[in-house]
Protein backbone atom coordinates (compact mmCIF):
# COMPACT_ATOMS: atom_id res chain seq x y z
CA UNK A 1 0.09 -0.06 0.11
CA UNK A 2 1.47 3.33 -0.88
CA UNK A 3 0.28 6.94 -0.33
CA UNK A 4 0.01 7.76 -4.06
CA UNK A 5 -3.32 5.72 -4.11
CA UNK A 6 -6.11 7.86 -5.84
CA UNK A 7 -9.65 7.59 -5.57
CA UNK A 8 -12.11 9.59 -7.83
CA UNK A 9 -15.48 9.68 -9.49
CA UNK A 10 -18.68 8.00 -8.27
CA UNK A 11 -18.30 6.58 -4.80
CA UNK A 12 -20.97 4.99 -3.03
CA UNK A 13 -21.28 5.37 0.73
CA UNK A 14 -22.24 1.75 0.98
CA UNK A 15 -24.85 0.41 3.19
CA UNK A 16 -23.95 -2.40 5.76
CA UNK A 17 -26.50 -5.52 5.71
CA UNK A 18 -27.54 -6.48 9.18
CA UNK A 19 -28.84 -10.10 9.98
CA UNK A 20 -31.53 -10.88 12.13
CA UNK A 21 -29.46 -11.32 15.23
CA UNK A 22 -28.05 -7.84 14.81
CA UNK A 23 -24.67 -8.94 13.47
CA UNK A 24 -23.20 -7.53 10.29
CA UNK A 25 -24.36 -9.68 7.38
CA UNK A 26 -21.09 -9.62 5.47
CA UNK A 27 -22.29 -11.99 2.53
CA UNK A 28 -25.22 -9.65 1.56
CA UNK A 29 -22.74 -6.61 2.03
CA UNK A 30 -20.13 -8.08 -0.14
CA UNK A 31 -22.92 -9.07 -2.72
CA UNK A 32 -24.19 -5.46 -2.87
CA UNK A 33 -20.46 -4.19 -3.26
CA UNK A 34 -19.94 -6.32 -6.23
CA UNK A 35 -23.42 -5.06 -7.70
CA UNK A 36 -22.44 -1.44 -7.25
CA UNK A 37 -19.00 -1.87 -8.73
CA UNK A 38 -20.56 -3.45 -11.77
CA UNK A 39 -23.16 -0.98 -12.17
CA UNK A 40 -21.23 2.47 -12.18
CA UNK A 41 -19.42 3.02 -9.04
CA UNK A 42 -15.62 3.77 -9.49
CA UNK A 43 -15.27 3.13 -5.66
CA UNK A 44 -16.90 2.45 -2.54
CA UNK A 45 -16.87 4.12 1.07
CA UNK A 46 -17.17 1.11 3.67
CA UNK A 47 -18.32 1.56 6.92
CA UNK A 48 -19.22 5.33 6.92
CA UNK A 49 -22.31 6.93 8.25
CA UNK A 50 -24.57 4.92 5.60
CA UNK A 51 -22.62 1.96 6.70
CA UNK A 52 -23.87 2.64 10.33
CA UNK A 53 -20.07 2.23 11.46
CA UNK A 54 -20.48 3.71 14.84
CA UNK A 55 -23.28 1.19 15.71
CA UNK A 56 -20.86 -1.76 15.27
CA UNK A 57 -18.32 -2.94 17.63
CA UNK A 58 -14.55 -2.70 17.06
CA UNK A 59 -14.42 -6.35 16.44
CA UNK A 60 -17.62 -6.11 14.16
CA UNK A 61 -15.96 -3.31 11.93
CA UNK A 62 -12.74 -5.60 11.62
CA UNK A 63 -15.05 -8.46 10.38
CA UNK A 64 -16.63 -6.40 7.88
CA UNK A 65 -13.38 -5.23 6.65
CA UNK A 66 -11.85 -8.56 6.72
CA UNK A 67 -14.76 -9.98 4.51
CA UNK A 68 -14.43 -7.43 1.71
CA UNK A 69 -10.86 -8.43 1.36
CA UNK A 70 -11.67 -12.39 1.58
CA UNK A 71 -14.17 -11.71 -0.95
CA UNK A 72 -11.39 -10.65 -3.38
CA UNK A 73 -13.10 -7.32 -3.87
CA UNK A 74 -10.74 -4.55 -5.64
CA UNK A 75 -9.54 -2.92 -2.24
CA UNK A 76 -7.64 -0.22 -4.37
CA UNK A 77 -11.13 1.14 -5.32
CA UNK A 78 -12.38 1.13 -1.63
CA UNK A 79 -11.95 3.57 1.32
CA UNK A 80 -13.15 2.56 4.76
CA UNK A 81 -14.17 4.45 7.83
CA UNK A 82 -11.70 4.11 10.90
CA UNK A 83 -12.56 7.12 13.16
CA UNK A 84 -13.82 6.63 16.70
CA UNK A 85 -14.32 8.38 20.07
CA UNK A 86 -11.34 6.55 21.27
CA UNK A 87 -7.88 7.13 19.65
CA UNK A 88 -6.85 3.52 20.54
CA UNK A 89 -9.83 2.17 18.60
CA UNK A 90 -9.07 4.63 15.74
CA UNK A 91 -5.54 3.38 15.41
CA UNK A 92 -6.60 -0.37 15.66
CA UNK A 93 -9.17 0.23 12.76
CA UNK A 94 -6.91 2.16 10.81
CA UNK A 95 -4.05 -0.34 11.06
CA UNK A 96 -6.39 -3.07 10.04
CA UNK A 97 -7.49 -1.28 7.07
CA UNK A 98 -3.86 -0.80 6.17
CA UNK A 99 -2.85 -4.49 6.48
CA UNK A 100 -5.84 -5.50 4.38
CA UNK A 101 -4.78 -3.07 1.76
CA UNK A 102 -7.81 -0.50 1.58
CA UNK A 103 -6.97 2.55 -0.53
CA UNK A 104 -7.75 4.95 2.29
CA UNK A 105 -8.99 5.48 5.90
CA UNK A 106 -11.65 7.88 6.25
CA UNK A 107 -11.33 9.56 9.70
CA UNK A 108 -14.06 11.02 11.83
CA UNK A 109 -12.97 13.48 14.57
CA UNK A 110 -13.09 11.97 18.04
CA UNK A 111 -16.57 12.90 18.35
CA UNK A 112 -17.69 12.69 22.21
CA UNK A 113 -16.06 15.88 23.54
CA UNK A 114 -17.27 18.82 21.99
CA UNK A 115 -15.51 22.15 21.56
CA UNK A 116 -12.07 20.72 21.81
CA UNK A 117 -8.99 22.81 20.77
CA UNK A 118 -7.39 22.38 17.29
CA UNK A 119 -4.21 20.95 19.46
CA UNK A 120 -6.21 18.08 20.53
CA UNK A 121 -7.62 17.16 17.25
CA UNK A 122 -4.02 17.44 15.72
CA UNK A 123 -2.93 15.10 18.37
CA UNK A 124 -5.48 12.49 17.42
CA UNK A 125 -4.31 12.71 13.70
CA UNK A 126 -0.81 12.47 14.81
CA UNK A 127 -1.48 9.38 16.88
CA UNK A 128 -3.04 7.61 13.97
CA UNK A 129 -0.41 8.78 11.52
CA UNK A 130 2.45 7.65 13.76
CA UNK A 131 0.84 4.42 14.46
CA UNK A 132 0.59 3.55 10.89
CA UNK A 133 3.62 4.82 9.52
CA UNK A 134 5.06 1.51 8.51
CA UNK A 135 2.09 1.09 6.34
CA UNK A 136 1.22 4.33 5.29
CA UNK A 137 -2.41 4.15 4.28
CA UNK A 138 -3.79 7.46 2.85
CA UNK A 139 -5.94 9.48 5.25
CA UNK A 140 -9.25 11.22 4.04
CA UNK A 141 -10.85 13.44 6.77
CA UNK A 142 -14.47 13.00 7.21
CA UNK A 143 -16.24 16.31 7.80
CA UNK A 144 -19.70 15.90 9.12
CA UNK A 145 -20.21 18.40 11.99
CA UNK A 146 -23.88 17.86 12.13
CA UNK A 147 -23.33 14.30 13.44
CA UNK A 148 -19.84 14.61 14.83
CA UNK A 149 -20.36 17.92 16.45
CA UNK A 150 -16.73 18.70 15.60
CA UNK A 151 -15.56 20.11 12.23
CA UNK A 152 -12.38 19.68 10.37
CA UNK A 153 -12.34 23.44 9.61
CA UNK A 154 -10.32 24.77 6.84
CA UNK A 155 -7.58 26.32 9.03
CA UNK A 156 -6.99 23.15 10.87
CA UNK A 157 -7.37 21.01 7.63
CA UNK A 158 -4.33 23.21 6.23
CA UNK A 159 -2.35 22.53 9.45
CA UNK A 160 -2.57 18.81 9.09
CA UNK A 161 -1.72 18.86 5.45
CA UNK A 162 1.32 20.95 6.30
CA UNK A 163 2.15 18.70 9.39
CA UNK A 164 1.74 15.40 7.64
CA UNK A 165 2.26 15.89 4.11
CA UNK A 166 1.17 13.20 1.94
CA UNK A 167 -0.30 11.08 4.38
CA UNK A 168 -3.48 13.55 4.42
CA UNK A 169 -4.90 13.24 0.91
CA UNK A 170 -8.46 14.11 1.02
CA UNK A 171 -11.81 14.84 2.75
CA UNK A 172 -15.39 13.97 2.57
CA UNK A 173 -17.63 16.84 3.04
CA UNK A 174 -20.96 15.99 4.45
CA UNK A 175 -21.83 19.37 5.64
CA UNK A 176 -23.80 20.42 2.68
CA UNK A 177 -21.76 23.90 2.68
CA UNK A 178 -20.37 24.28 -0.79
CA UNK A 179 -18.42 27.33 0.05
CA UNK A 180 -16.63 24.90 2.90
CA UNK A 181 -15.99 22.26 0.13
CA UNK A 182 -14.51 24.78 -2.47
CA UNK A 183 -12.24 26.44 0.21
CA UNK A 184 -11.13 23.14 1.33
CA UNK A 185 -10.47 22.00 -2.38
CA UNK A 186 -8.34 24.97 -2.95
CA UNK A 187 -5.91 24.06 -0.20
CA UNK A 188 -3.70 22.13 -2.36
CA UNK A 189 -3.90 20.55 -6.03
CA UNK A 190 -3.01 17.04 -4.35
CA UNK A 191 -5.96 17.44 -1.74
CA UNK A 192 -9.09 15.75 -3.06
CA UNK A 193 -12.32 16.73 -1.84
CA UNK A 194 -15.45 14.59 -2.15
CA UNK A 195 -18.88 16.29 -1.51
CA UNK A 196 -21.60 13.98 -0.14
CA UNK A 197 -24.14 14.71 -3.10
CA UNK A 198 -24.13 13.63 -6.74
CA UNK A 199 -25.40 17.09 -7.49
CA UNK A 200 -22.07 18.16 -7.80
CA UNK A 201 -20.81 15.88 -10.41
CA UNK A 202 -20.67 18.39 -13.17
CA UNK A 203 -18.33 20.62 -11.05
CA UNK A 204 -16.23 17.61 -10.14
CA UNK A 205 -16.00 16.62 -13.87
CA UNK A 206 -14.55 20.45 -14.39
CA UNK A 207 -11.79 19.46 -11.73
CA UNK A 208 -13.19 21.46 -8.91
CA UNK A 209 -13.66 18.18 -6.83
CA UNK A 210 -12.46 14.52 -7.09
CA UNK A 211 -16.14 13.28 -7.31
CA UNK A 212 -18.78 12.63 -5.02
CA UNK A 213 -19.38 10.05 -2.03
CA UNK A 214 -22.93 9.61 -1.72
CA UNK A 215 -25.62 7.50 0.23
CA UNK A 216 -27.83 7.59 -2.60
CA UNK A 217 -25.46 5.98 -4.92
CA UNK A 218 -26.54 2.84 -3.57
CA UNK A 219 -29.70 3.46 -5.67
CA UNK A 220 -28.66 5.67 -8.63
CA UNK A 221 -25.02 4.69 -9.33
CA UNK A 222 -25.68 3.87 -13.15
CA UNK A 223 -27.29 7.60 -13.55
CA UNK A 224 -24.15 8.94 -11.61
CA UNK A 225 -21.84 7.17 -13.73
CA UNK A 226 -23.40 8.61 -16.95
CA UNK A 227 -22.92 12.11 -15.42
CA UNK A 228 -19.42 11.62 -14.41
CA UNK A 229 -18.16 9.65 -17.65
CA UNK A 230 -20.03 11.75 -20.23
CA UNK A 231 -21.61 14.81 -18.65
CA UNK A 232 -25.31 13.49 -19.07
CA UNK A 233 -27.52 16.29 -17.86
CA UNK A 234 -30.59 14.16 -17.82
CA UNK A 235 -29.12 11.55 -15.96
CA UNK A 236 -28.05 14.10 -13.41
CA UNK A 237 -31.60 15.36 -13.00
CA UNK A 238 -32.95 11.76 -12.39
CA UNK A 239 -30.10 11.07 -9.88
CA UNK A 240 -30.82 14.10 -8.00
CA UNK A 241 -34.55 13.58 -8.05
CA UNK A 242 -33.96 10.12 -6.50
CA UNK A 243 -31.82 11.77 -3.78
CA UNK A 244 -34.50 14.26 -3.13
CA UNK A 245 -36.97 11.38 -2.32
CA UNK A 246 -35.25 11.41 1.16
CA UNK A 247 -35.74 15.26 1.78
CA UNK A 248 -37.18 15.53 5.30
CA UNK A 249 -36.72 11.76 6.06
CA UNK A 250 -34.11 9.65 7.76
CA UNK A 251 -31.56 8.83 5.01
CA UNK A 252 -30.03 5.69 6.05
CA UNK A 253 -33.38 3.69 6.97
CA UNK A 254 -34.59 5.00 3.76
CA UNK A 255 -31.78 3.85 1.66
CA UNK A 256 -31.91 0.58 3.35
CA UNK A 257 -35.74 0.38 2.79
CA UNK A 258 -35.24 0.97 -1.03
CA UNK A 259 -32.35 -1.44 -1.14
CA UNK A 260 -34.86 -4.06 -0.04
CA UNK A 261 -37.40 -2.97 -2.51
CA UNK A 262 -34.92 -2.84 -5.54
CA UNK A 263 -33.31 -5.88 -4.70
CA UNK A 264 -36.27 -7.96 -3.83
CA UNK A 265 -34.61 -8.88 -0.24
CA UNK A 266 -36.66 -7.55 2.94
CA UNK A 267 -33.57 -8.20 5.04
CA UNK A 268 -31.70 -5.21 3.43
CA UNK A 269 -34.33 -2.96 5.51
CA UNK A 270 -32.81 -3.88 9.00
CA UNK A 271 -30.90 -1.24 10.65
CA UNK A 272 -28.87 -1.07 13.89
CA UNK A 273 -30.40 0.73 16.92
CA UNK A 274 -30.70 3.75 17.53
CA UNK A 275 -32.07 3.79 14.00
CA UNK A 276 -35.35 2.62 13.12
CA UNK A 277 -36.53 0.88 9.81
CA UNK A 278 -39.07 2.60 7.67
CA UNK A 279 -42.70 1.38 8.37
CA UNK A 280 -44.43 -0.73 5.63
CA UNK A 281 -46.40 2.34 4.54
CA UNK A 282 -43.24 4.48 4.41
CA UNK A 283 -41.26 1.97 2.43
CA UNK A 284 -44.31 1.39 -0.18
CA UNK A 285 -44.44 5.34 -0.61
CA UNK A 286 -40.84 5.73 -1.26
CA UNK A 287 -40.70 2.71 -3.39
CA UNK A 288 -43.69 3.87 -5.69
CA UNK A 289 -41.94 7.47 -6.02
CA UNK A 290 -38.68 5.43 -6.85
CA UNK A 291 -40.12 3.30 -9.47
CA UNK A 292 -41.86 6.26 -11.22
CA UNK A 293 -38.53 7.78 -11.40
CA UNK A 294 -36.88 4.62 -12.68
CA UNK A 295 -39.29 3.93 -15.57
CA UNK A 296 -38.88 2.76 -18.15
CA UNK A 297 -36.47 0.16 -16.49
CA UNK A 298 -32.95 0.93 -16.57
CA UNK A 299 -29.78 -1.26 -16.43
CA UNK A 300 -29.88 -1.05 -12.55
CA UNK A 301 -30.87 -4.73 -12.26
CA UNK A 302 -31.43 -6.76 -9.05
CA UNK A 303 -28.88 -8.80 -6.81
CA UNK A 304 -32.03 -10.69 -5.38
CA UNK A 305 -30.28 -14.03 -6.30
CA UNK A 306 -26.95 -13.06 -4.84
CA UNK A 307 -28.81 -11.85 -1.76
CA UNK A 308 -30.71 -15.01 -1.22
CA UNK A 309 -27.60 -17.10 -1.62
CA UNK A 310 -26.04 -14.65 1.13
CA UNK A 311 -29.08 -15.31 3.62
């Protein structure tokens, strides 16, 4: 693994399947990963927010990572969430990701204590960088202040790039603040910023961003790929319309409800507490809207057979 690894384009923040005992369902998760990589995704973000990473234990997260490696998936196209409230856990997860060969580690700030100084956040990153120096996996910062309560603000990001050089390679921006995303992207030509919405793909094609990392790419990767690869404006409109189905709704349970619908596999609707699954009526409503946006049928076929084998 070298620090020259580059991810770009359409990256799905892939959901993690959950079995009926609450354990990660690795077989179903791997089947979805194969499907998305075959239907338009340039890469995957494993065990992020959509992947419910912080609802799983350290050992469960390691098990999911290992399952992706053991399945022979192209880890050079996958980044994995390794941030944690405990620096020891973040180090353990980042080391595991490096040992397995993932293309990058996506690192949340240590999110329990709020209002901590930049020196404390820099020390957290330094501990991870130092502990993984023997296998220097590229580090992507995960900026999601609405959930973490701690921002990777631009001044701090600049400090980290200057302090740790090529180890800090990019950032996923889930703030929705495009001014922030543009400012972060301007810090260095080698610093890759991925906003969390497919709506930016035309701007990404122009070189402003490295691509997008989107939860709804679980459902519209083929459309996103047409935008990224050929600038298809109609595909962009359709992809964004699918994303808007979740306006005002819980995004992760909604994505999983539609995964269950799209792939004909009810098990996909399961979520980990504290999230709650969509009700039957909520799932039916969003499925009807999705099907309306998807007509006529597209190349986005099902993995129902793979899911059934997984179960």
